[in-house]
PDB file of N, CA and C in Angstrom:
ATOM      1  N   MET A   1    -161.830 -83.775  32.713  1.00  0.00           N
ATOM      2  CA  MET A   1    -161.249 -83.788  31.524  1.00  0.00           C
ATOM      3  C   MET A   1    -162.082 -84.179  30.484  1.00  0.00           C
ATOM      4  N   ALA A   2    -162.871 -83.558  29.782  1.00  0.00           N
ATOM      5  CA  ALA A   2    -164.156 -83.590  28.511  1.00  0.00           C
ATOM      6  C   ALA A   2    -163.681 -84.060  27.285  1.00  0.00           C
ATOM      7  N   ASN A   3    -164.026 -85.191  26.655  1.00  0.00           N
ATOM      8  CA  ASN A   3    -163.508 -85.979  25.361  1.00  0.00           C
ATOM      9  C   ASN A   3    -163.762 -84.718  24.527  1.00  0.00           C
ATOM     10  N   GLN A   4    -163.242 -84.852  23.701  1.00  0.00           N
ATOM     11  CA  GLN A   4    -162.683 -83.542  22.510  1.00  0.00           C
ATOM     12  C   GLN A   4    -164.301 -84.208  21.329  1.00  0.00           C
ATOM     13  N   ARG A   5    -164.746 -85.165  21.518  1.00  0.00           N
ATOM     14  CA  ARG A   5    -165.297 -85.454  20.130  1.00  0.00           C
ATOM     15  C   ARG A   5    -166.628 -85.153  20.536  1.00  0.00           C
ATOM     16  N   THR A   6    -167.311 -85.168  22.087  1.00  0.00           N
ATOM     17  CA  THR A   6    -168.309 -85.194  21.999  1.00  0.00           C
ATOM     18  C   THR A   6    -168.446 -83.848  23.140  1.00  0.00           C
ATOM     19  N   ASP A   7    -167.386 -83.180  23.517  1.00  0.00           N
ATOM     20  CA  ASP A   7    -167.353 -81.595  24.146  1.00  0.00           C
ATOM     21  C   ASP A   7    -168.346 -80.674  23.195  1.00  0.00           C
ATOM     22  N   SER A   8    -169.367 -80.208  24.078  1.00  0.00           N
ATOM     23  CA  SER A   8    -170.534 -79.260  23.884  1.00  0.00           C
ATOM     24  C   SER A   8    -169.721 -77.829  23.063  1.00  0.00           C
ATOM     25  N   LYS A   9    -168.855 -77.425  23.826  1.00  0.00           N
ATOM     26  CA  LYS A   9    -167.976 -75.813  23.546  1.00  0.00           C
ATOM     27  C   LYS A   9    -167.262 -75.933  22.134  1.00  0.00           C
ATOM     28  N   GLY A  10    -167.439 -76.576  21.454  1.00  0.00           N
ATOM     29  CA  GLY A  10    -166.542 -76.764  20.171  1.00  0.00           C
ATOM     30  C   GLY A  10    -167.192 -75.744  19.048  1.00  0.00           C
ATOM     31  N   GLY A  11    -166.216 -75.279  18.302  1.00  0.00           N
ATOM     32  CA  GLY A  11    -166.770 -74.167  17.282  1.00  0.00           C
ATOM     33  C   GLY A  11    -168.189 -74.660  16.248  1.00  0.00           C
ATOM     34  N   THR A  12    -167.893 -74.112  15.191  1.00  0.00           N
ATOM     35  CA  THR A  12    -169.484 -73.228  14.248  1.00  0.00           C
ATOM     36  C   THR A  12    -168.576 -74.007  13.057  1.00  0.00           C
ATOM     37  N   VAL A  13    -169.401 -74.179  12.178  1.00  0.00           N
ATOM     38  CA  VAL A  13    -169.189 -74.140  10.718  1.00  0.00           C
ATOM     39  C   VAL A  13    -170.539 -73.368  10.456  1.00  0.00           C
ATOM     40  N   ALA A  14    -170.315 -72.708   8.974  1.00  0.00           N
ATOM     41  CA  ALA A  14    -170.988 -71.767   8.334  1.00  0.00           C
ATOM     42  C   ALA A  14    -170.572 -73.122   7.081  1.00  0.00           C
ATOM     43  N   VAL A  15    -172.638 -73.491   6.825  1.00  0.00           N
ATOM     44  CA  VAL A  15    -172.553 -74.551   5.327  1.00  0.00           C
ATOM     45  C   VAL A  15    -173.814 -73.329   4.727  1.00  0.00           C
ATOM     46  N   THR A  16    -173.233 -73.224   3.211  1.00  0.00           N
ATOM     47  CA  THR A  16    -173.903 -72.738   2.575  1.00  0.00           C
ATOM     48  C   THR A  16    -174.354 -73.913   1.657  1.00  0.00           C
ATOM     49  N   LEU A  17    -175.789 -73.686   1.085  1.00  0.00           N
ATOM     50  CA  LEU A  17    -176.314 -74.560  -0.250  1.00  0.00           C
ATOM     51  C   LEU A  17    -175.800 -73.230  -2.028  1.00  0.00           C
ATOM     52  N   VAL A  18    -175.601 -74.316  -2.820  1.00  0.00           N
ATOM     53  CA  VAL A  18    -174.764 -74.091  -3.469  1.00  0.00           C
ATOM     54  C   VAL A  18    -175.054 -74.651  -5.060  1.00  0.00           C
ATOM     55  N   LYS A  19    -175.895 -75.443  -5.257  1.00  0.00           N
ATOM     56  CA  LYS A  19    -176.185 -76.545  -5.751  1.00  0.00           C
ATOM     57  C   LYS A  19    -177.150 -77.292  -5.599  1.00  0.00           C
ATOM     58  N   SER A  20    -178.576 -77.039  -6.337  1.00  0.00           N
ATOM     59  CA  SER A  20    -179.628 -77.959  -5.594  1.00  0.00           C
ATOM     60  C   SER A  20    -179.165 -79.385  -5.728  1.00  0.00           C
ATOM     61  N   PRO A  21    -180.001 -79.808  -4.896  1.00  0.00           N
ATOM     62  CA  PRO A  21    -180.475 -81.746  -4.355  1.00  0.00           C
ATOM     63  C   PRO A  21    -181.091 -81.987  -5.652  1.00  0.00           C
ATOM     64  N   VAL A  22    -181.817 -81.655  -6.637  1.00  0.00           N
ATOM     65  CA  VAL A  22    -182.927 -81.900  -7.786  1.00  0.00           C
ATOM     66  C   VAL A  22    -182.076 -83.115  -8.311  1.00  0.00           C
ATOM     67  N   GLY A  23    -182.376 -83.887  -8.394  1.00  0.00           N
ATOM     68  CA  GLY A  23    -181.400 -85.092  -9.442  1.00  0.00           C
ATOM     69  C   GLY A  23    -180.890 -85.847  -9.277  1.00  0.00           C
ATOM     70  N   PHE A  24    -180.373 -85.456  -7.490  1.00  0.00           N
ATOM     71  CA  PHE A  24    -179.367 -86.155  -6.745  1.00  0.00           C
ATOM     72  C   PHE A  24    -180.322 -87.235  -6.272  1.00  0.00           C
ATOM     73  N   ASP A  25    -179.466 -88.590  -5.493  1.00  0.00           N
ATOM     74  CA  ASP A  25    -180.322 -89.572  -4.562  1.00  0.00           C
ATOM     75  C   ASP A  25    -180.708 -88.858  -4.059  1.00  0.00           C
ATOM     76  N   ARG A  26    -182.364 -89.450  -3.231  1.00  0.00           N
ATOM     77  CA  ARG A  26    -183.366 -88.557  -2.426  1.00  0.00           C
ATOM     78  C   ARG A  26    -183.132 -88.724  -1.157  1.00  0.00           C
ATOM     79  N   LYS A  27    -181.411 -89.639  -1.075  1.00  0.00           N
ATOM     80  CA  LYS A  27    -180.820 -89.271   0.304  1.00  0.00           C
ATOM     81  C   LYS A  27    -180.447 -88.295   0.199  1.00  0.00           C
ATOM     82  N   GLN A  28    -179.782 -87.941  -0.537  1.00  0.00           N
ATOM     83  CA  GLN A  28    -178.787 -86.669  -0.384  1.00  0.00           C
ATOM     84  C   GLN A  28    -179.459 -85.659  -0.335  1.00  0.00           C
ATOM     85  N   ALA A  29    -181.465 -85.378  -1.314  1.00  0.00           N
ATOM     86  CA  ALA A  29    -181.937 -84.178  -0.592  1.00  0.00           C
ATOM     87  C   ALA A  29    -182.837 -84.049   1.635  1.00  0.00           C
ATOM     88  N   THR A  30    -182.346 -85.041   2.003  1.00  0.00           N
ATOM     89  CA  THR A  30    -182.999 -85.665   3.097  1.00  0.00           C
ATOM     90  C   THR A  30    -181.916 -85.336   3.460  1.00  0.00           C
ATOM     91  N   VAL A  31    -180.262 -84.779   3.351  1.00  0.00           N
ATOM     92  CA  VAL A  31    -179.205 -84.679   4.204  1.00  0.00           C
ATOM     93  C   VAL A  31    -179.291 -83.309   3.957  1.00  0.00           C
ATOM     94  N   VAL A  32    -179.372 -82.862   3.279  1.00  0.00           N
ATOM     95  CA  VAL A  32    -179.585 -80.850   3.168  1.00  0.00           C
ATOM     96  C   VAL A  32    -180.629 -80.958   3.909  1.00  0.00           C
ATOM     97  N   ARG A  33    -181.825 -81.535   3.930  1.00  0.00           N
ATOM     98  CA  ARG A  33    -182.351 -80.748   4.676  1.00  0.00           C
ATOM     99  C   ARG A  33    -182.253 -80.567   6.092  1.00  0.00           C
ATOM    100  N   GLY A  34    -181.839 -82.069   6.083  1.00  0.00           N
ATOM    101  CA  GLY A  34    -182.208 -81.870   8.577  1.00  0.00           C
ATOM    102  C   GLY A  34    -180.617 -80.672   8.531  1.00  0.00           C
ATOM    103  N   LEU A  35    -179.761 -80.558   7.411  1.00  0.00           N
ATOM    104  CA  LEU A  35    -178.769 -79.439   7.826  1.00  0.00           C
ATOM    105  C   LEU A  35    -179.560 -78.097   8.331  1.00  0.00           C
ATOM    106  N   GLY A  36    -180.639 -77.842   7.712  1.00  0.00           N
ATOM    107  CA  GLY A  36    -181.104 -76.935   8.059  1.00  0.00           C
ATOM    108  C   GLY A  36    -181.248 -76.104   7.025  1.00  0.00           C
ATOM    109  N   LEU A  37    -180.765 -76.332   5.226  1.00  0.00           N
ATOM    110  CA  LEU A  37    -180.834 -75.494   4.556  1.00  0.00           C
ATOM    111  C   LEU A  37    -181.834 -75.807   3.501  1.00  0.00           C
ATOM    112  N   ARG A  38    -182.400 -74.574   3.139  1.00  0.00           N
ATOM    113  CA  ARG A  38    -184.051 -74.535   2.448  1.00  0.00           C
ATOM    114  C   ARG A  38    -184.187 -73.963   1.082  1.00  0.00           C
ATOM    115  N   ARG A  39    -183.207 -73.249   0.932  1.00  0.00           N
ATOM    116  CA  ARG A  39    -183.072 -73.157  -0.976  1.00  0.00           C
ATOM    117  C   ARG A  39    -181.180 -72.183  -1.027  1.00  0.00           C
ATOM    118  N   ILE A  40    -180.746 -72.513  -2.794  1.00  0.00           N
ATOM    119  CA  ILE A  40    -180.112 -72.329  -2.953  1.00  0.00           C
ATOM    120  C   ILE A  40    -179.418 -70.532  -2.150  1.00  0.00           C
ATOM    121  N   ARG A  41    -178.572 -70.708  -2.001  1.00  0.00           N
ATOM    122  CA  ARG A  41    -177.656 -69.614  -0.690  1.00  0.00           C
ATOM    123  C   ARG A  41    -177.639 -69.514  -0.152  1.00  0.00           C
ATOM    124  N   HIS A  42    -178.433 -70.133   0.798  1.00  0.00           N
ATOM    125  CA  HIS A  42    -178.871 -70.270   2.360  1.00  0.00           C
ATOM    126  C   HIS A  42    -177.802 -71.013   3.195  1.00  0.00           C
ATOM    127  N   THR A  43    -177.639 -69.865   4.120  1.00  0.00           N
ATOM    128  CA  THR A  43    -176.146 -70.469   4.422  1.00  0.00           C
ATOM    129  C   THR A  43    -176.890 -70.046   6.229  1.00  0.00           C
ATOM    130  N   VAL A  44    -176.462 -71.590   6.554  1.00  0.00           N
ATOM    131  CA  VAL A  44    -176.993 -72.482   8.321  1.00  0.00           C
ATOM    132  C   VAL A  44    -175.608 -72.386   8.811  1.00  0.00           C
ATOM    133  N   GLU A  45    -175.380 -71.817  10.428  1.00  0.00           N
ATOM    134  CA  GLU A  45    -174.081 -71.726  11.141  1.00  0.00           C
ATOM    135  C   GLU A  45    -174.719 -73.444  11.935  1.00  0.00           C
ATOM    136  N   LEU A  46    -173.507 -74.216  11.972  1.00  0.00           N
ATOM    137  CA  LEU A  46    -174.227 -75.142  12.441  1.00  0.00           C
ATOM    138  C   LEU A  46    -172.748 -76.064  13.774  1.00  0.00           C
ATOM    139  N   LYS A  47    -172.990 -76.215  14.483  1.00  0.00           N
ATOM    140  CA  LYS A  47    -172.067 -77.082  16.070  1.00  0.00           C
ATOM    141  C   LYS A  47    -171.023 -77.855  14.673  1.00  0.00           C
ATOM    142  N   ASP A  48    -170.179 -77.847  15.090  1.00  0.00           N
ATOM    143  CA  ASP A  48    -168.591 -78.365  14.996  1.00  0.00           C
ATOM    144  C   ASP A  48    -168.748 -79.807  15.112  1.00  0.00           C
ATOM    145  N   THR A  49    -169.569 -81.342  14.804  1.00  0.00           N
ATOM    146  CA  THR A  49    -169.571 -81.808  15.544  1.00  0.00           C
ATOM    147  C   THR A  49    -168.787 -83.413  14.473  1.00  0.00           C
ATOM    148  N   PRO A  50    -169.047 -84.016  14.985  1.00  0.00           N
ATOM    149  CA  PRO A  50    -168.453 -85.192  13.910  1.00  0.00           C
ATOM    150  C   PRO A  50    -169.612 -85.811  12.739  1.00  0.00           C
ATOM    151  N   ALA A  51    -171.502 -85.971  13.625  1.00  0.00           N
ATOM    152  CA  ALA A  51    -172.048 -85.568  13.029  1.00  0.00           C
ATOM    153  C   ALA A  51    -172.988 -85.301  11.760  1.00  0.00           C
ATOM    154  N   THR A  52    -171.961 -83.798  12.113  1.00  0.00           N
ATOM    155  CA  THR A  52    -172.320 -82.407  11.334  1.00  0.00           C
ATOM    156  C   THR A  52    -171.663 -83.002  10.075  1.00  0.00           C
ATOM    157  N   ARG A  53    -170.177 -83.542  10.285  1.00  0.00           N
ATOM    158  CA  ARG A  53    -168.844 -83.504   9.344  1.00  0.00           C
ATOM    159  C   ARG A  53    -169.937 -83.855   8.051  1.00  0.00           C
ATOM    160  N   GLY A  54    -170.073 -85.333   8.970  1.00  0.00           N
ATOM    161  CA  GLY A  54    -170.491 -86.503   7.632  1.00  0.00           C
ATOM    162  C   GLY A  54    -171.686 -86.570   7.810  1.00  0.00           C
ATOM    163  N   MET A  55    -172.814 -85.521   7.785  1.00  0.00           N
ATOM    164  CA  MET A  55    -173.783 -84.887   6.519  1.00  0.00           C
ATOM    165  C   MET A  55    -172.960 -84.784   5.727  1.00  0.00           C
ATOM    166  N   ILE A  56    -172.031 -83.605   5.948  1.00  0.00           N
ATOM    167  CA  ILE A  56    -171.831 -82.298   5.085  1.00  0.00           C
ATOM    168  C   ILE A  56    -171.188 -83.076   4.264  1.00  0.00           C
ATOM    169  N   HIS A  57    -169.405 -84.073   5.311  1.00  0.00           N
ATOM    170  CA  HIS A  57    -169.457 -85.079   3.610  1.00  0.00           C
ATOM    171  C   HIS A  57    -170.110 -85.809   3.018  1.00  0.00           C
ATOM    172  N   LYS A  58    -171.512 -86.125   2.412  1.00  0.00           N
ATOM    173  CA  LYS A  58    -172.317 -87.179   2.430  1.00  0.00           C
ATOM    174  C   LYS A  58    -172.716 -86.174   0.541  1.00  0.00           C
ATOM    175  N   VAL A  59    -172.964 -84.503   0.778  1.00  0.00           N
ATOM    176  CA  VAL A  59    -173.340 -83.546   0.344  1.00  0.00           C
ATOM    177  C   VAL A  59    -172.213 -82.863  -0.171  1.00  0.00           C
ATOM    178  N   LYS A  60    -170.799 -83.096  -0.216  1.00  0.00           N
ATOM    179  CA  LYS A  60    -169.819 -81.892  -0.112  1.00  0.00           C
ATOM    180  C   LYS A  60    -170.520 -81.319  -1.668  1.00  0.00           C
ATOM    181  N   HIS A  61    -170.318 -82.077  -2.822  1.00  0.00           N
ATOM    182  CA  HIS A  61    -170.871 -81.552  -4.029  1.00  0.00           C
ATOM    183  C   HIS A  61    -171.519 -80.298  -3.755  1.00  0.00           C
ATOM    184  N   LEU A  62    -172.382 -79.990  -3.193  1.00  0.00           N
ATOM    185  CA  LEU A  62    -174.307 -79.231  -2.808  1.00  0.00           C
ATOM    186  C   LEU A  62    -173.677 -78.583  -2.328  1.00  0.00           C
ATOM    187  N   VAL A  63    -172.764 -78.158  -1.503  1.00  0.00           N
ATOM    188  CA  VAL A  63    -172.459 -77.209  -0.823  1.00  0.00           C
ATOM    189  C   VAL A  63    -171.465 -76.431  -0.224  1.00  0.00           C
ATOM    190  N   GLU A  64    -170.894 -76.020   0.724  1.00  0.00           N
ATOM    191  CA  GLU A  64    -169.617 -75.018   0.258  1.00  0.00           C
ATOM    192  C   GLU A  64    -169.856 -74.531   1.802  1.00  0.00           C
ATOM    193  N   VAL A  65    -168.255 -75.096   2.323  1.00  0.00           N
ATOM    194  CA  VAL A  65    -168.058 -75.072   3.922  1.00  0.00           C
ATOM    195  C   VAL A  65    -167.156 -73.796   4.108  1.00  0.00           C
ATOM    196  N   LYS A  66    -168.095 -73.078   5.561  1.00  0.00           N
ATOM    197  CA  LYS A  66    -166.758 -72.004   5.494  1.00  0.00           C
ATOM    198  C   LYS A  66    -166.638 -71.818   6.718  1.00  0.00           C
TER     199      LYS A  66
END
């Protein structure tokens, strides 16, 4: 039986940068880069893992999730 938290077959989540991290904490800009977002309106699809969800939560005011 696979562990749901560590199973690699999970779904994906689309993350779009809607606001610039300039003017916010430098750590938040680092998280945005870690998600793979490079510019405003750039969208990436990431695996839906607890680590990814934590990163999204840290910059939820800068991104849009679908």
